[in-house]
PDB file of N, CA and C in Angstrom:
ATOM      1  N   MET A   1      35.989  37.563 -32.702  1.00  0.00           N
ATOM      2  CA  MET A   1      35.439  37.864 -31.391  1.00  0.00           C
ATOM      3  C   MET A   1      34.633  36.676 -30.863  1.00  0.00           C
ATOM      4  N   ALA A   2      34.686  36.472 -29.546  1.00  0.00           N
ATOM      5  CA  ALA A   2      34.013  35.345 -28.928  1.00  0.00           C
ATOM      6  C   ALA A   2      32.518  35.596 -28.760  1.00  0.00           C
ATOM      7  N   ASP A   3      32.098  36.853 -28.794  1.00  0.00           N
ATOM      8  CA  ASP A   3      30.687  37.175 -28.577  1.00  0.00           C
ATOM      9  C   ASP A   3      29.853  37.013 -29.846  1.00  0.00           C
ATOM     10  N   ASP A   4      30.429  36.614 -30.966  1.00  0.00           N
ATOM     11  CA  ASP A   4      29.696  36.506 -32.221  1.00  0.00           C
ATOM     12  C   ASP A   4      28.918  35.189 -32.341  1.00  0.00           C
ATOM     13  N   PHE A   5      29.133  34.237 -31.414  1.00  0.00           N
ATOM     14  CA  PHE A   5      28.400  32.960 -31.483  1.00  0.00           C
ATOM     15  C   PHE A   5      26.933  33.176 -31.158  1.00  0.00           C
ATOM     16  N   GLU A   6      26.099  32.399 -31.801  1.00  0.00           N
ATOM     17  CA  GLU A   6      24.672  32.486 -31.489  1.00  0.00           C
ATOM     18  C   GLU A   6      24.372  31.621 -30.274  1.00  0.00           C
ATOM     19  N   PHE A   7      23.190  31.791 -29.731  1.00  0.00           N
ATOM     20  CA  PHE A   7      22.805  31.061 -28.513  1.00  0.00           C
ATOM     21  C   PHE A   7      22.753  29.556 -28.765  1.00  0.00           C
ATOM     22  N   ALA A   8      22.343  29.133 -29.954  1.00  0.00           N
ATOM     23  CA  ALA A   8      22.225  27.708 -30.269  1.00  0.00           C
ATOM     24  C   ALA A   8      23.589  27.021 -30.232  1.00  0.00           C
ATOM     25  N   ASP A   9      24.658  27.762 -30.462  1.00  0.00           N
ATOM     26  CA  ASP A   9      26.000  27.179 -30.409  1.00  0.00           C
ATOM     27  C   ASP A   9      26.452  26.949 -28.969  1.00  0.00           C
ATOM     28  N   LYS A  10      25.941  27.736 -28.029  1.00  0.00           N
ATOM     29  CA  LYS A  10      26.353  27.617 -26.626  1.00  0.00           C
ATOM     30  C   LYS A  10      25.608  26.501 -25.901  1.00  0.00           C
ATOM     31  N   VAL A  11      24.414  26.112 -26.383  1.00  0.00           N
ATOM     32  CA  VAL A  11      23.602  25.103 -25.724  1.00  0.00           C
ATOM     33  C   VAL A  11      24.210  23.731 -25.989  1.00  0.00           C
ATOM     34  N   PRO A  12      24.454  22.931 -24.946  1.00  0.00           N
ATOM     35  CA  PRO A  12      25.002  21.588 -25.184  1.00  0.00           C
ATOM     36  C   PRO A  12      24.019  20.735 -25.986  1.00  0.00           C
ATOM     37  N   PRO A  13      24.525  19.790 -26.786  1.00  0.00           N
ATOM     38  CA  PRO A  13      23.640  19.012 -27.655  1.00  0.00           C
ATOM     39  C   PRO A  13      22.646  18.146 -26.893  1.00  0.00           C
ATOM     40  N   SER A  14      22.949  17.754 -25.641  1.00  0.00           N
ATOM     41  CA  SER A  14      22.023  16.910 -24.888  1.00  0.00           C
ATOM     42  C   SER A  14      20.758  17.685 -24.511  1.00  0.00           C
ATOM     43  N   VAL A  15      20.885  18.982 -24.275  1.00  0.00           N
ATOM     44  CA  VAL A  15      19.720  19.797 -23.927  1.00  0.00           C
ATOM     45  C   VAL A  15      18.952  20.160 -25.188  1.00  0.00           C
ATOM     46  N   ASP A  16      19.649  20.237 -26.311  1.00  0.00           N
ATOM     47  CA  ASP A  16      19.035  20.650 -27.565  1.00  0.00           C
ATOM     48  C   ASP A  16      18.018  19.607 -28.051  1.00  0.00           C
ATOM     49  N   ARG A  17      18.321  18.324 -27.890  1.00  0.00           N
ATOM     50  CA  ARG A  17      17.431  17.259 -28.353  1.00  0.00           C
ATOM     51  C   ARG A  17      16.928  16.460 -27.150  1.00  0.00           C
ATOM     52  N   VAL A  18      15.875  16.918 -26.519  1.00  0.00           N
ATOM     53  CA  VAL A  18      15.361  16.265 -25.321  1.00  0.00           C
ATOM     54  C   VAL A  18      14.688  14.946 -25.680  1.00  0.00           C
ATOM     55  N   GLY A  19      13.964  14.863 -26.756  1.00  0.00           N
ATOM     56  CA  GLY A  19      13.206  13.681 -27.116  1.00  0.00           C
ATOM     57  C   GLY A  19      14.058  12.501 -27.547  1.00  0.00           C
ATOM     58  N   SER A  20      15.276  12.727 -28.013  1.00  0.00           N
ATOM     59  CA  SER A  20      16.073  11.638 -28.575  1.00  0.00           C
ATOM     60  C   SER A  20      16.989  10.970 -27.555  1.00  0.00           C
ATOM     61  N   GLN A  21      16.984  11.414 -26.299  1.00  0.00           N
ATOM     62  CA  GLN A  21      17.915  10.834 -25.330  1.00  0.00           C
ATOM     63  C   GLN A  21      17.324   9.637 -24.592  1.00  0.00           C
ATOM     64  N   GLY A  22      16.071   9.270 -24.809  1.00  0.00           N
ATOM     65  CA  GLY A  22      15.472   8.108 -24.173  1.00  0.00           C
ATOM     66  C   GLY A  22      14.681   8.500 -22.941  1.00  0.00           C
ATOM     67  N   PHE A  23      14.421   7.487 -22.107  1.00  0.00           N
ATOM     68  CA  PHE A  23      13.616   7.737 -20.904  1.00  0.00           C
ATOM     69  C   PHE A  23      14.436   8.437 -19.836  1.00  0.00           C
ATOM     70  N   ASN A  24      13.733   9.193 -19.036  1.00  0.00           N
ATOM     71  CA  ASN A  24      14.345   9.846 -17.884  1.00  0.00           C
ATOM     72  C   ASN A  24      14.610   8.765 -16.831  1.00  0.00           C
ATOM     73  N   PRO A  25      15.823   8.659 -16.278  1.00  0.00           N
ATOM     74  CA  PRO A  25      16.112   7.617 -15.275  1.00  0.00           C
ATOM     75  C   PRO A  25      15.206   7.708 -14.049  1.00  0.00           C
ATOM     76  N   GLY A  26      14.857   8.908 -13.647  1.00  0.00           N
ATOM     77  CA  GLY A  26      13.953   9.081 -12.507  1.00  0.00           C
ATOM     78  C   GLY A  26      12.586   8.487 -12.788  1.00  0.00           C
ATOM     79  N   LEU A  27      12.144   8.614 -14.034  1.00  0.00           N
ATOM     80  CA  LEU A  27      10.854   8.043 -14.417  1.00  0.00           C
ATOM     81  C   LEU A  27      10.904   6.523 -14.375  1.00  0.00           C
ATOM     82  N   ILE A  28      12.012   5.945 -14.809  1.00  0.00           N
ATOM     83  CA  ILE A  28      12.162   4.487 -14.791  1.00  0.00           C
ATOM     84  C   ILE A  28      12.114   3.979 -13.351  1.00  0.00           C
ATOM     85  N   VAL A  29      12.838   4.637 -12.446  1.00  0.00           N
ATOM     86  CA  VAL A  29      12.840   4.235 -11.033  1.00  0.00           C
ATOM     87  C   VAL A  29      11.432   4.341 -10.456  1.00  0.00           C
ATOM     88  N   LEU A  30      10.748   5.422 -10.784  1.00  0.00           N
ATOM     89  CA  LEU A  30       9.385   5.623 -10.290  1.00  0.00           C
ATOM     90  C   LEU A  30       8.445   4.535 -10.801  1.00  0.00           C
ATOM     91  N   LEU A  31       8.573   4.180 -12.062  1.00  0.00           N
ATOM     92  CA  LEU A  31       7.722   3.132 -12.628  1.00  0.00           C
ATOM     93  C   LEU A  31       8.016   1.769 -12.008  1.00  0.00           C
ATOM     94  N   VAL A  32       9.292   1.478 -11.772  1.00  0.00           N
ATOM     95  CA  VAL A  32       9.652   0.180 -11.174  1.00  0.00           C
ATOM     96  C   VAL A  32       9.103   0.084  -9.754  1.00  0.00           C
ATOM     97  N   ILE A  33       9.305   1.135  -8.952  1.00  0.00           N
ATOM     98  CA  ILE A  33       8.802   1.122  -7.567  1.00  0.00           C
ATOM     99  C   ILE A  33       7.273   1.068  -7.561  1.00  0.00           C
ATOM    100  N   GLY A  34       6.647   1.820  -8.453  1.00  0.00           N
ATOM    101  CA  GLY A  34       5.192   1.788  -8.548  1.00  0.00           C
ATOM    102  C   GLY A  34       4.684   0.412  -8.946  1.00  0.00           C
ATOM    103  N   GLY A  35       5.406  -0.242  -9.853  1.00  0.00           N
ATOM    104  CA  GLY A  35       5.027  -1.594 -10.266  1.00  0.00           C
ATOM    105  C   GLY A  35       5.123  -2.587  -9.124  1.00  0.00           C
ATOM    106  N   PHE A  36       6.225  -2.499  -8.355  1.00  0.00           N
ATOM    107  CA  PHE A  36       6.370  -3.387  -7.193  1.00  0.00           C
ATOM    108  C   PHE A  36       5.264  -3.155  -6.181  1.00  0.00           C
ATOM    109  N   LEU A  37       4.965  -1.890  -5.914  1.00  0.00           N
ATOM    110  CA  LEU A  37       3.925  -1.562  -4.936  1.00  0.00           C
ATOM    111  C   LEU A  37       2.558  -2.071  -5.392  1.00  0.00           C
ATOM    112  N   LEU A  38       2.267  -1.874  -6.670  1.00  0.00           N
ATOM    113  CA  LEU A  38       0.989  -2.332  -7.216  1.00  0.00           C
ATOM    114  C   LEU A  38       0.896  -3.855  -7.165  1.00  0.00           C
ATOM    115  N   THR A  39       1.988  -4.534  -7.509  1.00  0.00           N
ATOM    116  CA  THR A  39       2.010  -5.998  -7.452  1.00  0.00           C
ATOM    117  C   THR A  39       1.803  -6.487  -6.024  1.00  0.00           C
ATOM    118  N   PHE A  40       2.454  -5.834  -5.070  1.00  0.00           N
ATOM    119  CA  PHE A  40       2.316  -6.197  -3.661  1.00  0.00           C
ATOM    120  C   PHE A  40       0.872  -6.051  -3.190  1.00  0.00           C
ATOM    121  N   LEU A  41       0.255  -4.930  -3.517  1.00  0.00           N
ATOM    122  CA  LEU A  41      -1.119  -4.690  -3.066  1.00  0.00           C
ATOM    123  C   LEU A  41      -2.100  -5.655  -3.717  1.00  0.00           C
ATOM    124  N   ILE A  42      -1.937  -5.922  -5.005  1.00  0.00           N
ATOM    125  CA  ILE A  42      -2.834  -6.852  -5.690  1.00  0.00           C
ATOM    126  C   ILE A  42      -2.644  -8.260  -5.128  1.00  0.00           C
ATOM    127  N   GLY A  43      -1.393  -8.653  -4.872  1.00  0.00           N
ATOM    128  CA  GLY A  43      -1.115  -9.966  -4.287  1.00  0.00           C
ATOM    129  C   GLY A  43      -1.747 -10.121  -2.913  1.00  0.00           C
ATOM    130  N   ASN A  44      -1.647  -9.066  -2.110  1.00  0.00           N
ATOM    131  CA  ASN A  44      -2.266  -9.108  -0.780  1.00  0.00           C
ATOM    132  C   ASN A  44      -3.779  -9.270  -0.882  1.00  0.00           C
ATOM    133  N   TYR A  45      -4.386  -8.569  -1.805  1.00  0.00           N
ATOM    134  CA  TYR A  45      -5.841  -8.660  -1.976  1.00  0.00           C
ATOM    135  C   TYR A  45      -6.244 -10.066  -2.405  1.00  0.00           C
ATOM    136  N   VAL A  46      -5.495 -10.633  -3.358  1.00  0.00           N
ATOM    137  CA  VAL A  46      -5.808 -11.979  -3.834  1.00  0.00           C
ATOM    138  C   VAL A  46      -5.666 -12.992  -2.701  1.00  0.00           C
ATOM    139  N   LEU A  47      -4.589 -12.905  -1.930  1.00  0.00           N
ATOM    140  CA  LEU A  47      -4.396 -13.822  -0.809  1.00  0.00           C
ATOM    141  C   LEU A  47      -5.492 -13.657   0.243  1.00  0.00           C
ATOM    142  N   TYR A  48      -5.889 -12.420   0.502  1.00  0.00           N
ATOM    143  CA  TYR A  48      -6.935 -12.157   1.493  1.00  0.00           C
ATOM    144  C   TYR A  48      -8.254 -12.794   1.065  1.00  0.00           C
ATOM    145  N   THR A  49      -8.634 -12.594  -0.189  1.00  0.00           N
ATOM    146  CA  THR A  49      -9.900 -13.168  -0.654  1.00  0.00           C
ATOM    147  C   THR A  49      -9.828 -14.694  -0.669  1.00  0.00           C
ATOM    148  N   TYR A  50      -8.671 -15.253  -1.038  1.00  0.00           N
ATOM    149  CA  TYR A  50      -8.503 -16.713  -1.033  1.00  0.00           C
ATOM    150  C   TYR A  50      -8.624 -17.259   0.388  1.00  0.00           C
ATOM    151  N   ALA A  51      -8.002 -16.566   1.346  1.00  0.00           N
ATOM    152  CA  ALA A  51      -8.054 -17.011   2.743  1.00  0.00           C
ATOM    153  C   ALA A  51      -9.476 -16.908   3.290  1.00  0.00           C
ATOM    154  N   GLN A  52     -10.214 -15.891   2.886  1.00  0.00           N
ATOM    155  CA  GLN A  52     -11.593 -15.745   3.368  1.00  0.00           C
ATOM    156  C   GLN A  52     -12.463 -16.900   2.885  1.00  0.00           C
ATOM    157  N   LYS A  53     -12.195 -17.381   1.671  1.00  0.00           N
ATOM    158  CA  LYS A  53     -13.012 -18.459   1.111  1.00  0.00           C
ATOM    159  C   LYS A  53     -12.633 -19.815   1.691  1.00  0.00           C
ATOM    160  N   THR A  54     -11.340 -20.061   1.897  1.00  0.00           N
ATOM    161  CA  THR A  54     -10.896 -21.419   2.214  1.00  0.00           C
ATOM    162  C   THR A  54     -10.734 -21.686   3.708  1.00  0.00           C
ATOM    163  N   LEU A  55     -10.294 -20.712   4.475  1.00  0.00           N
ATOM    164  CA  LEU A  55     -10.041 -20.960   5.895  1.00  0.00           C
ATOM    165  C   LEU A  55     -11.358 -20.953   6.673  1.00  0.00           C
ATOM    166  N   PRO A  56     -11.490 -21.814   7.683  1.00  0.00           N
ATOM    167  CA  PRO A  56     -12.702 -21.791   8.502  1.00  0.00           C
ATOM    168  C   PRO A  56     -12.714 -20.529   9.369  1.00  0.00           C
ATOM    169  N   PRO A  57     -13.880 -20.096   9.793  1.00  0.00           N
ATOM    170  CA  PRO A  57     -13.940 -18.905  10.649  1.00  0.00           C
ATOM    171  C   PRO A  57     -13.227 -19.153  11.973  1.00  0.00           C
ATOM    172  N   ARG A  58     -12.614 -18.118  12.493  1.00  0.00           N
ATOM    173  CA  ARG A  58     -11.874 -18.256  13.751  1.00  0.00           C
ATOM    174  C   ARG A  58     -12.826 -18.474  14.909  1.00  0.00           C
ATOM    175  N   LYS A  59     -12.419 -19.336  15.820  1.00  0.00           N
ATOM    176  CA  LYS A  59     -13.233 -19.587  17.012  1.00  0.00           C
ATOM    177  C   LYS A  59     -13.006 -18.459  18.001  1.00  0.00           C
ATOM    178  N   LYS A  60     -14.104 -18.019  18.614  1.00  0.00           N
ATOM    179  CA  LYS A  60     -13.977 -16.976  19.639  1.00  0.00           C
ATOM    180  C   LYS A  60     -13.483 -17.602  20.931  1.00  0.00           C
ATOM    181  N   LYS A  61     -12.748 -16.838  21.691  1.00  0.00           N
ATOM    182  CA  LYS A  61     -12.271 -17.332  22.981  1.00  0.00           C
ATOM    183  C   LYS A  61     -13.460 -17.519  23.915  1.00  0.00           C
ATOM    184  N   PRO A  62     -13.491 -18.595  24.690  1.00  0.00           N
ATOM    185  CA  PRO A  62     -14.591 -18.767  25.643  1.00  0.00           C
ATOM    186  C   PRO A  62     -14.513 -17.696  26.741  1.00  0.00           C
ATOM    187  N   ILE A  63     -15.682 -17.158  27.087  1.00  0.00           N
ATOM    188  CA  ILE A  63     -15.740 -16.114  28.116  1.00  0.00           C
ATOM    189  C   ILE A  63     -15.835 -16.801  29.473  1.00  0.00           C
ATOM    190  N   SER A  64     -15.042 -16.327  30.414  1.00  0.00           N
ATOM    191  CA  SER A  64     -15.071 -16.919  31.750  1.00  0.00           C
ATOM    192  C   SER A  64     -16.398 -16.586  32.438  1.00  0.00           C
ATOM    193  N   LYS A  65     -16.763 -17.405  33.414  1.00  0.00           N
ATOM    194  CA  LYS A  65     -18.028 -17.214  34.126  1.00  0.00           C
ATOM    195  C   LYS A  65     -18.033 -15.894  34.887  1.00  0.00           C
ATOM    196  N   LYS A  66     -16.863 -15.510  35.381  1.00  0.00           N
ATOM    197  CA  LYS A  66     -16.756 -14.243  36.101  1.00  0.00           C
ATOM    198  C   LYS A  66     -17.118 -13.073  35.185  1.00  0.00           C
ATOM    199  N   LYS A  67     -16.556 -13.095  33.967  1.00  0.00           N
ATOM    200  CA  LYS A  67     -16.829 -12.014  33.018  1.00  0.00           C
ATOM    201  C   LYS A  67     -18.297 -12.007  32.623  1.00  0.00           C
ATOM    202  N   MET A  68     -18.883 -13.199  32.468  1.00  0.00           N
ATOM    203  CA  MET A  68     -20.290 -13.278  32.113  1.00  0.00           C
ATOM    204  C   MET A  68     -21.153 -12.655  33.205  1.00  0.00           C
ATOM    205  N   LYS A  69     -20.814 -12.924  34.459  1.00  0.00           N
ATOM    206  CA  LYS A  69     -21.561 -12.355  35.583  1.00  0.00           C
ATOM    207  C   LYS A  69     -21.483 -10.831  35.549  1.00  0.00           C
ATOM    208  N   LYS A  70     -20.258 -10.316  35.342  1.00  0.00           N
ATOM    209  CA  LYS A  70     -20.071  -8.861  35.300  1.00  0.00           C
ATOM    210  C   LYS A  70     -20.893  -8.236  34.178  1.00  0.00           C
ATOM    211  N   GLU A  71     -20.890  -8.876  33.011  1.00  0.00           N
ATOM    212  CA  GLU A  71     -21.650  -8.351  31.875  1.00  0.00           C
ATOM    213  C   GLU A  71     -23.147  -8.328  32.182  1.00  0.00           C
ATOM    214  N   ARG A  72     -23.637  -9.392  32.776  1.00  0.00           N
ATOM    215  CA  ARG A  72     -25.060  -9.444  33.104  1.00  0.00           C
ATOM    216  C   ARG A  72     -25.434  -8.402  34.145  1.00  0.00           C
ATOM    217  N   LEU A  73     -24.560  -8.191  35.136  1.00  0.00           N
ATOM    218  CA  LEU A  73     -24.838  -7.177  36.158  1.00  0.00           C
ATOM    219  C   LEU A  73     -24.845  -5.781  35.543  1.00  0.00           C
ATOM    220  N   LYS A  74     -23.962  -5.566  34.550  1.00  0.00           N
ATOM    221  CA  LYS A  74     -23.949  -4.259  33.871  1.00  0.00           C
ATOM    222  C   LYS A  74     -25.279  -4.017  33.151  1.00  0.00           C
ATOM    223  N   GLN A  75     -25.825  -5.093  32.546  1.00  0.00           N
ATOM    224  CA  GLN A  75     -27.074  -4.946  31.812  1.00  0.00           C
ATOM    225  C   GLN A  75     -28.289  -4.941  32.732  1.00  0.00           C
ATOM    226  N   GLY A  76     -28.099  -5.247  33.991  1.00  0.00           N
ATOM    227  CA  GLY A  76     -29.213  -5.215  34.934  1.00  0.00           C
ATOM    228  C   GLY A  76     -29.933  -6.539  35.078  1.00  0.00           C
ATOM    229  N   VAL A  77     -29.439  -7.592  34.467  1.00  0.00           N
ATOM    230  CA  VAL A  77     -30.066  -8.902  34.585  1.00  0.00           C
ATOM    231  C   VAL A  77     -29.324  -9.668  35.666  1.00  0.00           C
ATOM    232  N   SER A  78     -30.058 -10.233  36.603  1.00  0.00           N
ATOM    233  CA  SER A  78     -29.390 -10.965  37.670  1.00  0.00           C
ATOM    234  C   SER A  78     -28.924 -12.313  37.135  1.00  0.00           C
ATOM    235  N   ALA A  79     -27.774 -12.740  37.600  1.00  0.00           N
ATOM    236  CA  ALA A  79     -27.206 -14.018  37.163  1.00  0.00           C
ATOM    237  C   ALA A  79     -28.048 -15.155  37.723  1.00  0.00           C
ATOM    238  N   PRO A  80     -28.175 -16.250  37.013  1.00  0.00           N
ATOM    239  CA  PRO A  80     -28.988 -17.356  37.516  1.00  0.00           C
ATOM    240  C   PRO A  80     -28.366 -17.955  38.781  1.00  0.00           C
ATOM    241  N   GLY A  81     -29.220 -18.349  39.694  1.00  0.00           N
ATOM    242  CA  GLY A  81     -28.753 -18.953  40.951  1.00  0.00           C
ATOM    243  C   GLY A  81     -28.475 -17.939  42.036  1.00  0.00           C
ATOM    244  N   GLU A  82     -28.834 -16.678  41.809  1.00  0.00           N
ATOM    245  CA  GLU A  82     -28.608 -15.656  42.837  1.00  0.00           C
ATOM    246  C   GLU A  82     -29.915 -15.149  43.381  1.00  0.00           C
TER     247      GLU A  82
END
């Protein structure tokens, strides 16, 4: 009779020994992508700190006289020469 087999005989051998089949492929992909992401972020941080130390500070754009007048009028200070 076919019903006389035990449950252990019906289970495929790959499911029976989970620990001996190696790493899960999904885990490997996750670790590789995580490694790339971590490397990218650390590299960006290192470059940012290096640039902060070595590059001179950026020059601000000169403000036009018209804008300066408007700013002073907003603050309530009259522009010189008026």
